[in-house]
Amino acid sequence: MKTQELNLLVTFDAIMTEGSITRAAERLAMTQPAVSNAVSRMRLVWKDELFVKDGRQIQPTLFARNLWSQIKEPLQMLGDAVEPNAFDPLTSTRAFRLAIPSAVVDIAWYKLRKIIETEAPLVNIHAVPYTIDNGEKVLIDAEVDLVIGAGIPITSVIHSEFLFQPEFVCIMRHGHPLAKKQLTIKEFTDAPHLLVSLSGDTVGYTDQVLAQQGLKRRIAMSVNHFSAIPSIIETSNLIAVVPPTALEEAIFSKRIAVTCPPLKITGDHVTSYWHKRQQNDGGLTWLRTHVNQIIKEHAINHYKKLKECLC
């Protein structure tokens, strides 16, 4: 293979990974016109359009997708073989993309930013939308470098590290009849509930746990984001079962009352996931170590504080 064609493959891989010519230029420390010129040469050499405009985005052609599926792992392996740990955080200009829930962004991002400003001032970090359904796909398709979440199957190509397991709490307004240390199952199931449903479904994880006991609750209202909960809870008779990490400000400021549900409700393990192609990536190892440590330490401190807030 000619050196020119290998260079084109590297540029092509960056465009496919980033999904953008602009971001690919940043990743490669090239100018955007230089990357655009490389795309023109690719089209000439490989006799395919490769990328078509879709609004402000670009979409790869079938040829481009098939080509990338064949070259992305060999290119990564070649890079690892030549420079397995060639990452200097102080001088690196890499951009990392993480699929991460908004609640974890609230926990980790400001601490991570402090580390970056000290250790890696030229590194860029981008959070992208995360759902349980897309976690595995965005890793396999190299759309992100790291996923923080739950429910991704561990396979021969997906690596992981456990971070913490959330324990759900029951929240309500201060002065609510159920704002007490111990709730009965009847009090809990008879009360009108507020549900956070990102999907719009009116059955949540708590309902699945209750169903295992032959029980059911009334979902009187649902919302599609956690930030709406405190104002609704503190001005109504609704109660809600939530992962407390999603409502730390409202709970720790004692804006709302919090107690334990009458049955234990634990969420899926919160875990960091990455693809095996980046197992020896020095940059991702640096980032992953910091992110995982921040989240683990936060979880320990979080549950210490939570005990002080329980009714």
Protein backbone atom coordinates (compact mmCIF):
# COMPACT_ATOMS: atom_id res chain seq x y z
CA MET A 1 0.00 0.00 0.00
CA LYS A 2 1.25 3.49 -0.84
CA THR A 3 1.99 5.89 2.03
CA GLN A 4 -0.57 8.33 0.60
CA GLU A 5 -3.32 5.72 0.76
CA LEU A 6 -2.43 4.83 4.35
CA ASN A 7 -2.66 8.51 5.28
CA LEU A 8 -6.07 8.66 3.62
CA LEU A 9 -7.21 5.67 5.66
CA VAL A 10 -6.13 7.38 8.87
CA THR A 11 -8.06 10.51 7.92
CA PHE A 12 -11.05 8.43 6.82
CA ASP A 13 -11.02 6.58 10.17
CA ALA A 14 -11.01 9.90 12.06
CA ILE A 15 -14.00 11.20 10.07
CA MET A 16 -15.97 8.00 10.65
CA THR A 17 -15.08 7.98 14.36
CA GLU A 18 -16.02 11.62 14.90
CA GLY A 19 -18.92 11.76 12.44
CA SER A 20 -17.76 15.20 11.41
CA ILE A 21 -15.02 16.69 9.22
CA THR A 22 -14.55 19.53 11.71
CA ARG A 23 -14.11 17.20 14.68
CA ALA A 24 -11.87 14.92 12.62
CA ALA A 25 -9.63 17.91 11.86
CA GLU A 26 -9.43 18.67 15.59
CA ARG A 27 -8.63 15.03 16.36
CA LEU A 28 -5.84 14.94 13.75
CA ALA A 29 -4.55 18.47 14.50
CA MET A 30 -5.23 19.37 10.86
CA THR A 31 -7.09 22.27 9.29
CA GLN A 32 -10.63 21.66 8.07
CA PRO A 33 -9.68 22.49 4.42
CA ALA A 34 -6.88 19.91 4.62
CA VAL A 35 -9.33 17.22 5.73
CA SER A 36 -11.81 18.27 3.02
CA ASN A 37 -9.03 17.98 0.42
CA ALA A 38 -8.23 14.50 1.75
CA VAL A 39 -11.89 13.53 1.30
CA SER A 40 -11.71 14.70 -2.34
CA ARG A 41 -8.67 12.46 -2.88
CA MET A 42 -10.45 9.54 -1.21
CA ARG A 43 -13.38 9.91 -3.59
CA LEU A 44 -11.03 9.89 -6.55
CA VAL A 45 -8.96 6.92 -5.36
CA TRP A 46 -11.83 4.78 -4.07
CA LYS A 47 -14.40 5.88 -6.67
CA ASP A 48 -17.21 6.48 -4.20
CA GLU A 49 -18.95 9.57 -2.79
CA LEU A 50 -18.14 8.30 0.77
CA PHE A 51 -20.01 11.06 2.67
CA VAL A 52 -23.25 12.84 1.81
CA LYS A 53 -24.68 15.92 3.54
CA ASP A 54 -27.65 15.45 5.87
CA GLY A 55 -28.52 18.93 7.11
CA ARG A 56 -25.49 20.01 9.11
CA GLN A 57 -24.35 16.42 9.50
CA ILE A 58 -22.72 13.98 7.10
CA GLN A 59 -23.81 10.41 6.50
CA PRO A 60 -21.42 7.70 5.24
CA THR A 61 -22.35 5.73 2.17
CA LEU A 62 -22.69 1.95 2.23
CA PHE A 63 -19.19 1.67 0.73
CA ALA A 64 -17.79 3.88 3.51
CA ARG A 65 -19.49 1.82 6.23
CA ASN A 66 -18.21 -1.44 4.77
CA LEU A 67 -14.70 -0.07 4.38
CA TRP A 68 -14.61 1.22 7.96
CA SER A 69 -15.82 -2.09 9.36
CA GLN A 70 -12.73 -3.69 7.79
CA ILE A 71 -10.05 -1.13 8.65
CA LYS A 72 -10.94 0.44 12.02
CA GLU A 73 -9.64 -2.36 14.25
CA PRO A 74 -6.48 -3.06 12.22
CA LEU A 75 -5.66 0.68 12.32
CA GLN A 76 -6.16 0.77 16.09
CA MET A 77 -4.02 -2.32 16.55
CA LEU A 78 -1.31 -0.82 14.34
CA GLY A 79 -1.36 2.38 16.40
CA ASP A 80 -1.17 0.42 19.65
CA ALA A 81 1.74 -1.65 18.33
CA VAL A 82 3.73 1.40 17.29
CA GLU A 83 2.86 3.70 20.20
CA PRO A 84 0.90 1.73 22.80
CA ASN A 85 1.09 4.36 25.51
CA ALA A 86 2.11 7.45 23.57
CA PHE A 87 -0.14 9.86 25.44
CA ASP A 88 1.24 12.94 27.13
CA PRO A 89 -1.71 14.65 28.85
CA LEU A 90 0.16 17.93 29.15
CA THR A 91 0.59 18.31 25.38
CA SER A 92 -2.21 16.14 23.96
CA THR A 93 -4.94 17.82 21.92
CA ARG A 94 -7.20 14.77 21.83
CA ALA A 95 -10.97 15.00 22.02
CA PHE A 96 -12.81 12.32 24.00
CA ARG A 97 -16.50 11.53 23.68
CA LEU A 98 -18.43 9.93 26.54
CA ALA A 99 -21.99 8.62 26.52
CA ILE A 100 -23.10 9.52 30.01
CA PRO A 101 -26.39 10.23 31.88
CA SER A 102 -27.03 13.83 32.86
CA ALA A 103 -26.99 12.93 36.57
CA VAL A 104 -23.44 11.60 36.24
CA VAL A 105 -22.40 14.74 34.33
CA ASP A 106 -23.60 16.74 37.36
CA ILE A 107 -21.49 14.54 39.62
CA ALA A 108 -18.27 14.29 37.66
CA TRP A 109 -17.86 17.10 35.13
CA TYR A 110 -16.78 20.00 37.35
CA LYS A 111 -14.23 17.80 39.15
CA LEU A 112 -12.98 16.41 35.86
CA ARG A 113 -12.62 19.92 34.48
CA LYS A 114 -10.33 20.87 37.38
CA ILE A 115 -8.12 17.87 36.62
CA ILE A 116 -8.00 18.69 32.91
CA GLU A 117 -7.02 22.30 33.55
CA THR A 118 -4.12 21.08 35.70
CA GLU A 119 -2.97 17.97 33.85
CA ALA A 120 -4.25 18.18 30.28
CA PRO A 121 -5.20 21.76 29.36
CA LEU A 122 -5.52 21.06 25.61
CA VAL A 123 -7.71 17.95 25.92
CA ASN A 124 -11.40 18.31 24.99
CA ILE A 125 -14.19 16.31 26.64
CA HIS A 126 -17.65 15.95 25.09
CA ALA A 127 -20.73 14.37 26.68
CA VAL A 128 -23.18 12.77 24.25
CA PRO A 129 -26.71 11.43 24.89
CA TYR A 130 -26.91 8.04 26.55
CA THR A 131 -29.68 5.48 26.85
CA ILE A 132 -29.54 1.85 27.94
CA ASP A 133 -30.58 0.84 24.43
CA ASN A 134 -27.73 2.58 22.59
CA GLY A 135 -24.81 1.98 24.97
CA GLU A 136 -23.35 -1.08 23.29
CA LYS A 137 -23.89 0.22 19.76
CA VAL A 138 -22.06 3.52 20.25
CA LEU A 139 -19.02 1.63 21.55
CA ILE A 140 -18.99 -0.93 18.75
CA ASP A 141 -19.47 1.81 16.13
CA ALA A 142 -16.69 3.88 17.79
CA GLU A 143 -19.05 6.83 18.22
CA VAL A 144 -17.75 7.28 21.78
CA ASP A 145 -14.64 6.34 23.75
CA LEU A 146 -16.37 5.52 27.03
CA VAL A 147 -19.88 4.79 28.29
CA ILE A 148 -20.97 5.37 31.89
CA GLY A 149 -24.24 3.59 32.55
CA ALA A 150 -25.88 0.24 33.13
CA GLY A 151 -27.19 -2.79 31.35
CA ILE A 152 -24.60 -3.24 28.61
CA PRO A 153 -23.77 -6.95 28.16
CA ILE A 154 -20.13 -7.82 28.82
CA THR A 155 -18.78 -9.60 25.76
CA SER A 156 -15.41 -10.44 24.26
CA VAL A 157 -15.23 -6.92 22.80
CA ILE A 158 -16.72 -4.88 25.67
CA HIS A 159 -14.63 -4.29 28.80
CA SER A 160 -15.99 -2.81 32.02
CA GLU A 161 -15.36 -1.59 35.57
CA PHE A 162 -18.01 -1.50 38.31
CA LEU A 163 -18.52 1.93 39.90
CA PHE A 164 -21.48 1.74 42.33
CA GLN A 165 -25.00 0.41 42.77
CA PRO A 166 -27.71 3.00 43.52
CA GLU A 167 -30.26 2.38 46.29
CA PHE A 168 -33.53 4.16 45.64
CA VAL A 169 -35.23 6.40 48.21
CA CYS A 170 -38.74 7.72 48.65
CA ILE A 171 -39.21 11.49 48.63
CA MET A 172 -42.12 13.78 49.54
CA ARG A 173 -42.76 17.28 50.88
CA HIS A 174 -41.96 18.15 54.47
CA GLY A 175 -45.11 17.75 56.56
CA HIS A 176 -46.42 14.97 54.33
CA PRO A 177 -48.18 12.23 56.37
CA LEU A 178 -45.65 9.70 54.99
CA ALA A 179 -42.59 11.77 55.91
CA LYS A 180 -41.54 9.34 58.62
CA LYS A 181 -38.93 6.71 59.26
CA GLN A 182 -40.95 3.61 58.44
CA LEU A 183 -43.60 3.28 55.76
CA THR A 184 -45.95 0.34 55.49
CA ILE A 185 -46.45 -1.34 52.15
CA LYS A 186 -50.12 -0.26 52.19
CA GLU A 187 -49.26 3.39 52.83
CA PHE A 188 -46.70 3.25 50.06
CA THR A 189 -48.91 1.62 47.42
CA ASP A 190 -52.00 3.68 48.31
CA ALA A 191 -50.19 7.00 47.88
CA PRO A 192 -50.26 8.85 44.54
CA HIS A 193 -46.82 8.52 42.89
CA LEU A 194 -44.80 10.76 40.63
CA LEU A 195 -42.75 8.82 38.07
CA VAL A 196 -39.73 9.94 36.07
CA SER A 197 -40.00 8.24 32.69
CA LEU A 198 -37.44 9.15 30.06
CA SER A 199 -39.22 6.91 27.55
CA GLY A 200 -42.78 8.00 28.31
CA ASP A 201 -43.69 4.57 29.68
CA THR A 202 -45.94 4.67 32.76
CA VAL A 203 -44.36 1.60 34.33
CA GLY A 204 -41.02 2.02 36.05
CA TYR A 205 -38.44 -0.13 37.80
CA THR A 206 -40.28 0.24 41.14
CA ASP A 207 -43.42 -1.18 39.53
CA GLN A 208 -41.45 -4.24 38.42
CA VAL A 209 -40.22 -4.79 41.99
CA LEU A 210 -43.76 -4.40 43.35
CA ALA A 211 -45.16 -6.78 40.74
CA GLN A 212 -42.78 -9.49 42.01
CA GLN A 213 -44.61 -9.19 45.34
CA GLY A 214 -48.03 -9.17 43.70
CA LEU A 215 -48.39 -5.45 44.42
CA LYS A 216 -49.22 -2.37 42.39
CA ARG A 217 -49.03 1.40 42.93
CA ARG A 218 -50.85 4.32 41.35
CA ILE A 219 -48.83 6.49 38.97
CA ALA A 220 -50.72 9.77 39.32
CA MET A 221 -48.28 11.85 37.27
CA SER A 222 -45.16 11.34 35.19
CA VAL A 223 -42.40 13.66 33.97
CA ASN A 224 -39.56 13.09 31.52
CA HIS A 225 -36.69 14.67 33.46
CA PHE A 226 -35.50 14.75 37.05
CA SER A 227 -35.18 18.53 37.32
CA ALA A 228 -38.99 18.85 37.37
CA ILE A 229 -39.38 16.71 40.47
CA PRO A 230 -38.46 18.94 43.45
CA SER A 231 -40.94 21.75 42.70
CA ILE A 232 -43.76 19.26 42.10
CA ILE A 233 -42.99 17.21 45.19
CA GLU A 234 -42.67 20.16 47.59
CA THR A 235 -46.03 21.65 46.52
CA SER A 236 -48.17 18.51 46.32
CA ASN A 237 -49.10 15.28 48.10
CA LEU A 238 -47.28 13.15 45.54
CA ILE A 239 -44.41 10.88 46.54
CA ALA A 240 -41.68 9.55 44.28
CA VAL A 241 -39.11 6.76 44.30
CA VAL A 242 -35.84 7.99 42.83
CA PRO A 243 -32.11 7.26 42.68
CA PRO A 244 -30.85 9.91 45.13
CA THR A 245 -27.79 10.75 43.03
CA ALA A 246 -30.19 12.37 40.54
CA LEU A 247 -31.59 14.83 43.13
CA GLU A 248 -28.66 15.57 45.42
CA GLU A 249 -29.17 19.34 45.67
CA ALA A 250 -32.82 19.04 46.69
CA ILE A 251 -32.13 16.21 49.14
CA PHE A 252 -28.96 17.48 50.80
CA SER A 253 -30.35 21.02 51.15
CA LYS A 254 -33.35 19.39 52.86
CA ARG A 255 -35.69 21.07 50.41
CA ILE A 256 -37.66 17.82 50.33
CA ALA A 257 -38.12 15.01 52.85
CA VAL A 258 -36.56 11.62 52.18
CA THR A 259 -37.10 8.18 53.66
CA CYS A 260 -36.56 4.54 52.72
CA PRO A 261 -39.24 2.69 50.75
CA PRO A 262 -40.90 -0.21 52.61
CA LEU A 263 -39.08 -2.67 50.36
CA LYS A 264 -35.52 -2.49 49.10
CA ILE A 265 -35.23 -1.10 45.58
CA THR A 266 -31.76 -1.15 44.05
CA GLY A 267 -30.88 -0.03 40.55
CA ASP A 268 -28.58 -1.67 38.04
CA HIS A 269 -24.85 -1.43 38.63
CA VAL A 270 -23.45 1.85 37.34
CA THR A 271 -20.43 0.80 35.29
CA SER A 272 -17.89 2.23 32.88
CA TYR A 273 -17.60 0.44 29.54
CA TRP A 274 -15.09 0.65 26.71
CA HIS A 275 -14.27 -1.33 23.57
CA LYS A 276 -11.36 -3.76 23.56
CA ARG A 277 -9.82 -1.86 20.63
CA GLN A 278 -8.96 0.86 23.19
CA GLN A 279 -7.80 -1.39 25.98
CA ASN A 280 -4.19 -0.26 25.51
CA ASP A 281 -5.03 3.32 24.59
CA GLY A 282 -2.93 5.44 26.94
CA GLY A 283 -5.20 8.45 26.58
CA LEU A 284 -8.38 6.57 27.37
CA THR A 285 -6.67 4.81 30.28
CA TRP A 286 -5.74 8.22 31.71
CA LEU A 287 -9.28 9.55 31.27
CA ARG A 288 -11.00 6.38 32.47
CA THR A 289 -8.90 6.26 35.64
CA HIS A 290 -9.87 9.81 36.58
CA VAL A 291 -13.57 9.50 35.69
CA ASN A 292 -13.98 6.18 37.49
CA GLN A 293 -12.22 7.44 40.61
CA ILE A 294 -14.31 10.61 40.73
CA ILE A 295 -17.55 8.64 40.52
CA LYS A 296 -16.52 6.00 43.06
CA GLU A 297 -15.41 8.59 45.62
CA HIS A 298 -18.56 10.61 45.07
CA ALA A 299 -20.76 7.54 45.64
CA ILE A 300 -19.07 6.82 48.99
CA ASN A 301 -19.50 10.41 50.21
CA HIS A 302 -23.02 10.60 48.79
CA TYR A 303 -24.37 7.71 50.86
CA LYS A 304 -22.73 9.06 54.02
CA LYS A 305 -24.57 12.36 53.54
CA LEU A 306 -27.81 10.62 52.62
CA LYS A 307 -27.98 8.84 55.98
CA GLU A 308 -28.04 12.26 57.68
CA CYS A 309 -31.08 13.31 55.61
CA LEU A 310 -33.29 10.26 56.12
CA CYS A 311 -36.43 10.78 58.21
